[in-house]
Protein backbone atom coordinates (compact mmCIF):
# COMPACT_ATOMS: atom_id res chain seq x y z
CA MET A 1 0.20 -0.03 -0.10
CA LYS A 2 1.09 3.72 -0.42
CA ALA A 3 2.01 5.78 2.78
CA VAL A 4 3.27 9.23 3.33
CA LEU A 5 6.34 8.75 5.64
CA CYS A 6 8.13 10.97 7.85
CA LYS A 7 11.58 9.29 8.18
CA GLN A 8 13.42 12.27 10.01
CA PHE A 9 11.82 15.43 11.70
CA GLY A 10 11.56 18.34 9.38
CA PRO A 11 9.02 20.39 7.39
CA PRO A 12 6.47 18.85 4.99
CA GLU A 13 8.47 19.02 1.82
CA THR A 14 10.92 16.27 3.50
CA LEU A 15 8.05 13.64 3.49
CA VAL A 16 8.13 10.96 0.99
CA VAL A 17 5.42 8.68 -0.63
CA GLU A 18 6.34 4.81 -0.60
CA GLU A 19 4.91 1.23 -0.86
CA ILE A 20 4.83 -0.55 2.52
CA GLU A 21 3.32 -3.46 3.82
CA SER A 22 -0.33 -3.53 4.94
CA PRO A 23 -1.19 -3.35 8.45
CA LYS A 24 -2.64 -6.21 10.26
CA ALA A 25 -5.53 -5.93 12.94
CA GLY A 26 -4.40 -6.86 16.65
CA LYS A 27 -6.76 -7.38 19.39
CA GLY A 28 -9.22 -4.62 19.74
CA GLN A 29 -8.50 -3.19 16.57
CA VAL A 30 -9.62 -2.91 12.94
CA VAL A 31 -7.91 -2.35 9.69
CA ILE A 32 -9.46 0.72 7.72
CA SER A 33 -9.22 1.16 4.08
CA VAL A 34 -8.70 4.96 4.04
CA LYS A 35 -11.03 7.04 1.86
CA ALA A 36 -10.31 10.45 3.50
CA CYS A 37 -8.03 11.86 6.21
CA GLY A 38 -8.36 15.20 7.94
CA VAL A 39 -5.35 17.43 8.19
CA ASN A 40 -4.92 18.93 11.62
CA PHE A 41 -2.33 21.14 13.27
CA PRO A 42 -0.97 18.34 15.38
CA ASP A 43 0.05 16.65 12.14
CA THR A 44 2.40 19.75 11.34
CA LEU A 45 3.85 19.57 15.06
CA MET A 46 4.44 15.73 14.84
CA ILE A 47 6.49 15.79 11.73
CA GLU A 48 8.59 18.62 13.13
CA GLY A 49 9.35 16.60 16.56
CA LYS A 50 7.51 19.39 18.43
CA TYR A 51 4.42 17.29 19.52
CA GLN A 52 3.98 15.78 23.06
CA PHE A 53 3.80 12.36 21.39
CA LYS A 54 6.68 11.17 19.15
CA PRO A 55 6.06 8.03 17.19
CA SER A 56 9.07 6.11 15.81
CA PHE A 57 10.46 6.43 12.52
CA PRO A 58 9.28 6.12 9.66
CA PHE A 59 5.64 7.11 10.70
CA SER A 60 2.71 8.66 8.82
CA PRO A 61 1.01 11.69 10.22
CA GLY A 62 -2.78 11.73 9.91
CA GLY A 63 -4.90 11.46 13.25
CA GLU A 64 -8.39 11.12 11.93
CA VAL A 65 -9.54 8.90 9.07
CA ALA A 66 -12.80 7.71 7.21
CA GLY A 67 -13.14 4.66 5.38
CA ILE A 68 -14.03 1.05 5.27
CA VAL A 69 -13.45 -1.63 7.72
CA LYS A 70 -10.94 -4.28 5.98
CA GLU A 71 -10.25 -6.29 8.76
CA VAL A 72 -11.63 -6.90 12.43
CA GLY A 73 -9.26 -8.18 15.12
CA GLU A 74 -10.32 -10.11 18.26
CA GLY A 75 -12.60 -8.94 20.54
CA VAL A 76 -14.38 -6.29 18.62
CA THR A 77 -18.14 -6.80 18.44
CA HIS A 78 -19.60 -3.47 17.32
CA LEU A 79 -18.00 -3.26 13.64
CA ASN A 80 -17.65 -5.63 10.65
CA VAL A 81 -15.85 -5.99 7.66
CA GLY A 82 -17.48 -3.50 5.15
CA ASP A 83 -18.65 -0.99 7.69
CA ASN A 84 -18.26 2.82 6.85
CA VAL A 85 -16.63 4.14 9.87
CA PHE A 86 -14.49 7.31 10.99
CA SER A 87 -11.77 6.65 13.48
CA LEU A 88 -9.41 8.59 15.81
CA THR A 89 -6.01 7.09 15.13
CA GLY A 90 -3.45 9.40 16.38
CA HIS A 91 -1.19 9.13 13.47
CA GLY A 92 -0.69 6.80 10.37
CA GLY A 93 -3.70 8.17 8.48
CA PHE A 94 -1.82 9.60 5.57
CA ALA A 95 -2.04 6.06 3.95
CA GLU A 96 -4.26 3.83 2.08
CA GLU A 97 -4.72 1.70 4.92
CA VAL A 98 -4.57 2.28 8.70
CA THR A 99 -4.95 0.37 12.16
CA GLY A 100 -7.32 1.89 14.23
CA ASN A 101 -8.52 1.38 17.98
CA ALA A 102 -12.15 0.09 17.79
CA ALA A 103 -12.80 1.94 21.06
CA THR A 104 -12.28 5.31 19.09
CA THR A 105 -13.76 3.86 15.68
CA LEU A 106 -17.42 4.77 15.23
CA PRO A 107 -19.82 3.72 12.33
CA MET A 108 -20.64 6.74 9.81
CA SER A 109 -24.21 7.95 10.24
CA THR A 110 -26.54 7.42 7.26
CA GLY A 111 -26.09 10.07 4.61
CA MET A 112 -22.58 11.11 5.88
CA ASP A 113 -19.71 11.42 3.29
CA TYR A 114 -16.10 10.43 3.88
CA ILE A 115 -14.81 14.06 3.59
CA THR A 116 -17.35 14.99 6.66
CA ALA A 117 -16.66 12.22 8.87
CA ALA A 118 -12.80 12.58 8.31
CA SER A 119 -13.22 16.28 9.31
CA THR A 120 -15.18 15.79 12.40
CA MET A 121 -13.41 14.19 15.20
CA TYR A 122 -10.33 16.36 15.91
CA THR A 123 -12.42 19.85 15.31
CA TYR A 124 -15.69 19.25 16.80
CA GLY A 125 -14.49 16.94 19.41
CA THR A 126 -11.80 19.38 20.69
CA SER A 127 -14.12 22.32 20.68
CA TYR A 128 -17.35 20.78 22.27
CA HIS A 129 -15.10 19.16 24.80
CA ALA A 130 -13.60 22.73 25.71
CA LEU A 131 -16.71 24.55 25.58
CA LYS A 132 -19.20 22.02 27.63
CA ASP A 133 -16.75 20.13 29.77
CA ARG A 134 -14.11 22.64 30.52
CA ALA A 135 -15.85 25.98 30.24
CA ASN A 136 -19.32 24.82 31.39
CA LEU A 137 -20.56 27.51 28.72
CA LYS A 138 -24.11 28.83 29.23
CA PRO A 139 -26.70 30.31 27.00
CA GLY A 140 -26.53 34.06 27.05
CA GLU A 141 -22.80 34.22 28.01
CA THR A 142 -20.14 35.76 25.70
CA LEU A 143 -17.63 33.61 24.03
CA LEU A 144 -14.28 34.96 22.35
CA VAL A 145 -12.96 32.61 19.74
CA LEU A 146 -9.23 33.35 18.71
CA GLY A 147 -8.08 32.09 15.37
CA ALA A 148 -11.80 31.61 14.51
CA ALA A 149 -11.27 30.74 11.12
CA GLY A 150 -9.01 27.86 11.76
CA GLY A 151 -10.24 24.22 11.94
CA VAL A 152 -11.00 24.08 15.67
CA GLY A 153 -11.72 27.80 15.87
CA LEU A 154 -14.57 27.70 13.23
CA ALA A 155 -15.83 24.61 14.99
CA ALA A 156 -16.04 26.42 18.31
CA VAL A 157 -17.89 29.39 16.57
CA GLN A 158 -20.57 27.09 15.43
CA LEU A 159 -20.83 24.90 18.52
CA GLY A 160 -20.90 28.32 20.53
CA VAL A 161 -23.84 29.47 18.67
CA LEU A 162 -25.75 26.27 18.94
CA MET A 163 -25.01 26.41 22.85
CA GLY A 164 -26.66 29.78 22.86
CA ALA A 165 -23.78 32.02 23.44
CA THR A 166 -23.07 35.48 21.83
CA VAL A 167 -20.00 34.44 19.72
CA ILE A 168 -17.30 37.15 18.93
CA ALA A 169 -14.65 35.93 16.34
CA ALA A 170 -11.20 37.00 16.06
CA ALA A 171 -9.06 36.21 13.04
CA SER A 172 -6.32 37.93 10.89
CA SER A 173 -8.15 39.04 7.83
CA ASP A 174 -11.49 40.49 6.79
CA GLU A 175 -11.99 37.29 4.41
CA LYS A 176 -11.54 34.90 7.12
CA LEU A 177 -13.97 36.81 9.39
CA GLN A 178 -16.73 36.94 6.52
CA VAL A 179 -16.68 33.00 6.86
CA CYS A 180 -16.94 33.36 10.71
CA ARG A 181 -20.15 35.57 10.10
CA GLN A 182 -21.44 32.96 7.81
CA MET A 183 -21.15 30.38 10.42
CA GLY A 184 -22.90 32.52 13.19
CA ALA A 185 -20.65 34.62 14.72
CA THR A 186 -22.33 37.82 16.02
CA GLU A 187 -19.37 40.34 15.98
CA THR A 188 -15.76 40.02 14.52
CA ILE A 189 -12.66 41.41 15.31
CA ASN A 190 -9.63 41.83 12.69
CA TYR A 191 -6.47 41.57 15.31
CA THR A 192 -3.98 42.50 12.38
CA THR A 193 -5.73 45.92 11.94
CA GLU A 194 -7.78 46.38 15.45
CA ASP A 195 -6.90 46.71 18.88
CA LEU A 196 -7.94 43.39 20.44
CA ARG A 197 -8.52 44.56 23.99
CA GLU A 198 -9.98 47.95 22.98
CA ARG A 199 -12.44 46.29 20.50
CA LEU A 200 -13.55 43.72 23.18
CA LYS A 201 -14.03 46.47 25.61
CA ALA A 202 -16.32 48.24 23.24
CA LEU A 203 -18.35 45.08 22.34
CA THR A 204 -18.92 44.13 25.91
CA ASN A 205 -19.72 47.72 27.03
CA GLY A 206 -16.56 47.01 29.35
CA ASN A 207 -18.00 44.02 30.84
CA GLY A 208 -15.49 41.62 29.32
CA VAL A 209 -16.24 38.28 27.92
CA ASP A 210 -17.10 35.11 29.80
CA VAL A 211 -15.21 32.63 28.01
CA VAL A 212 -11.98 32.79 25.73
CA TYR A 213 -11.31 29.94 23.49
CA ASP A 214 -7.58 30.37 22.44
CA PRO A 215 -5.97 27.89 20.01
CA VAL A 216 -3.29 30.56 18.96
CA GLY A 217 -1.41 31.74 21.97
CA ASP A 218 1.53 34.31 21.22
CA ARG A 219 0.83 37.84 21.71
CA TYR A 220 -2.93 37.56 21.78
CA SER A 221 -3.27 35.83 24.86
CA GLU A 222 -2.52 38.44 27.44
CA PRO A 223 -4.98 41.05 25.86
CA SER A 224 -7.66 38.35 25.85
CA ILE A 225 -7.27 37.16 29.53
CA ARG A 226 -7.28 40.98 30.55
CA SER A 227 -10.70 41.22 28.84
CA LEU A 228 -12.18 38.35 30.69
CA ALA A 229 -15.33 39.18 32.85
CA TRP A 230 -15.66 38.22 36.65
CA LYS A 231 -15.31 34.44 36.94
CA GLY A 232 -14.60 34.32 33.47
CA ARG A 233 -12.66 31.11 31.94
CA TYR A 234 -9.70 31.10 29.86
CA LEU A 235 -9.33 28.00 27.69
CA VAL A 236 -5.83 26.89 26.57
CA VAL A 237 -6.16 25.08 23.50
CA GLY A 238 -3.07 25.27 21.62
CA PHE A 239 -0.17 27.78 20.27
CA ALA A 240 -0.81 27.79 16.65
CA ALA A 241 0.81 31.45 16.41
CA GLY A 242 4.17 29.69 17.37
CA SER A 243 5.10 30.70 20.86
CA ILE A 244 3.84 29.83 24.13
CA PRO A 245 2.90 33.19 26.11
CA ASN A 246 3.90 34.02 29.66
CA ILE A 247 0.59 35.12 31.33
CA PRO A 248 0.93 37.24 34.52
CA LEU A 249 -1.16 34.88 37.02
CA ASN A 250 -2.32 37.99 39.03
CA LEU A 251 -4.76 38.58 36.21
CA THR A 252 -6.51 35.27 37.22
CA LEU A 253 -6.80 36.35 40.81
CA LEU A 254 -8.02 39.78 40.29
CA LYS A 255 -10.92 38.56 38.00
CA GLY A 256 -11.65 35.59 40.00
CA ALA A 257 -10.91 33.84 36.72
CA SER A 258 -10.12 30.19 35.79
CA LEU A 259 -7.18 29.20 33.45
CA VAL A 260 -8.22 25.69 32.03
CA GLY A 261 -6.22 23.50 29.69
CA VAL A 262 -7.80 21.45 26.91
CA PHE A 263 -6.25 18.37 25.79
CA TRP A 264 -8.49 16.59 23.78
CA GLY A 265 -6.75 13.48 22.72
CA THR A 266 -5.79 12.39 26.34
CA PHE A 267 -9.16 13.22 27.44
CA ALA A 268 -10.67 10.93 24.81
CA GLN A 269 -8.32 8.09 25.97
CA ARG A 270 -8.93 8.69 29.71
CA GLU A 271 -12.77 9.42 29.68
CA PRO A 272 -14.02 7.17 26.36
CA LYS A 273 -17.60 7.11 27.64
CA LEU A 274 -17.89 10.81 28.00
CA SER A 275 -15.88 11.45 24.78
CA MET A 276 -18.57 9.07 22.77
CA SER A 277 -21.63 10.74 24.61
CA ASN A 278 -20.14 14.16 23.21
CA PHE A 279 -19.81 12.64 19.67
CA GLY A 280 -23.47 11.53 19.97
CA GLN A 281 -24.59 15.05 20.28
CA ILE A 282 -22.21 16.19 17.55
CA LEU A 283 -23.53 13.46 15.01
CA HIS A 284 -27.04 14.49 16.06
CA TRP A 285 -26.27 18.17 15.06
CA ILE A 286 -24.31 16.96 11.79
CA THR A 287 -27.13 14.64 10.74
CA THR A 288 -29.95 17.18 11.30
CA GLY A 289 -28.02 20.05 9.28
CA GLN A 290 -27.32 22.16 12.27
CA LEU A 291 -23.35 21.73 12.12
CA LYS A 292 -21.75 21.75 8.69
CA GLN A 293 -17.90 21.54 8.22
CA HIS A 294 -16.36 24.19 5.97
CA ILE A 295 -14.08 22.42 3.60
CA HIS A 296 -11.31 24.83 2.39
CA SER A 297 -9.77 22.42 -0.02
CA THR A 298 -8.81 18.73 -0.83
CA TYR A 299 -5.74 17.09 -1.66
CA SER A 300 -4.48 13.61 -3.02
CA LEU A 301 -1.96 11.54 -0.72
CA ASP A 302 0.74 12.80 -3.02
CA GLU A 303 -0.22 16.26 -2.38
CA SER A 304 -0.32 15.93 1.54
CA PRO A 305 3.10 18.17 1.71
CA LEU A 306 1.05 20.98 0.07
CA ALA A 307 -2.02 20.46 2.71
CA LEU A 308 0.61 20.64 5.73
CA ARG A 309 2.24 23.86 4.26
CA ALA A 310 -0.91 25.48 3.71
CA LEU A 311 -2.01 24.85 7.30
CA MET A 312 1.20 25.93 8.59
CA ASP A 313 1.07 28.96 6.62
CA ARG A 314 -2.37 29.78 8.20
CA LYS A 315 -4.07 29.84 4.71
CA VAL A 316 -6.56 27.07 5.61
CA VAL A 317 -10.14 28.53 6.67
CA GLY A 318 -11.90 25.58 8.21
CA LYS A 319 -10.47 22.02 7.14
CA ALA A 320 -8.16 20.53 4.56
CA VAL A 321 -8.89 17.05 3.94
CA LEU A 322 -6.82 14.33 1.91
CA VAL A 323 -9.04 12.20 -0.33
CA LEU A 324 -7.99 8.87 -1.58
């Protein structure tokens, strides 16, 4: 089978496509014939050796796939050969076949296509866990989403609206913010041309925001945490802008605020029942048309370096997906 391989840490251009042996299903596993694979920010970190988890060389990036079950391992009872599924694989998805843990592999809903299925787990899974489980977002509260046009950011905008919040979307261009408005954002901030803190003060009448969803980090974090309302919650989701900010902790004291970490991958492993319950709600919203992923572009397996480069250069609005 063909697979995109990372043989040494480096930029996307160092990846190679080679023929390798097909995987086998072990106990509690399935082999999936991949039809689509989501491209996510952790993939870019993984190939550069910057991610928390470092697979052994050579490895394929790609943590979420959709496809057809080819082989079922011992002990797997809820899946059968020929089933259409989507799966959280962690890595290995940039390939024609991949092994998935049956516990994190779900049957696709009727009418769901492979591209939608392959772009659901990371973005909606992360954002729903963040807003529901970590922030306890309530109807009527104000939610600020930084990096709002990215994969998890745009998912947070949509979910915040569905959960009854007033959503303020912040991104780096007017074109990106236009998509955020199409997804339901009430207000927008272009933090390339506008002062983030002053704009938030004006939009909230000086009251601040109840929840900040931050997958960006860097220089946007401190003005955002200074803009929290009393008992606000600041969600640390990631650092897509490149650097991890140094935040004065006295700000949380003065505002009675909570600084809350969000690591969805570990949550899904440690609390699988709650994670699967969350997905039940997400799938309901998708099948009823209340959630619709914004697909920026699709790529072939051979074009995977282009997909990763576009993501790293912050050119992707919504999701990029490999289609096999």
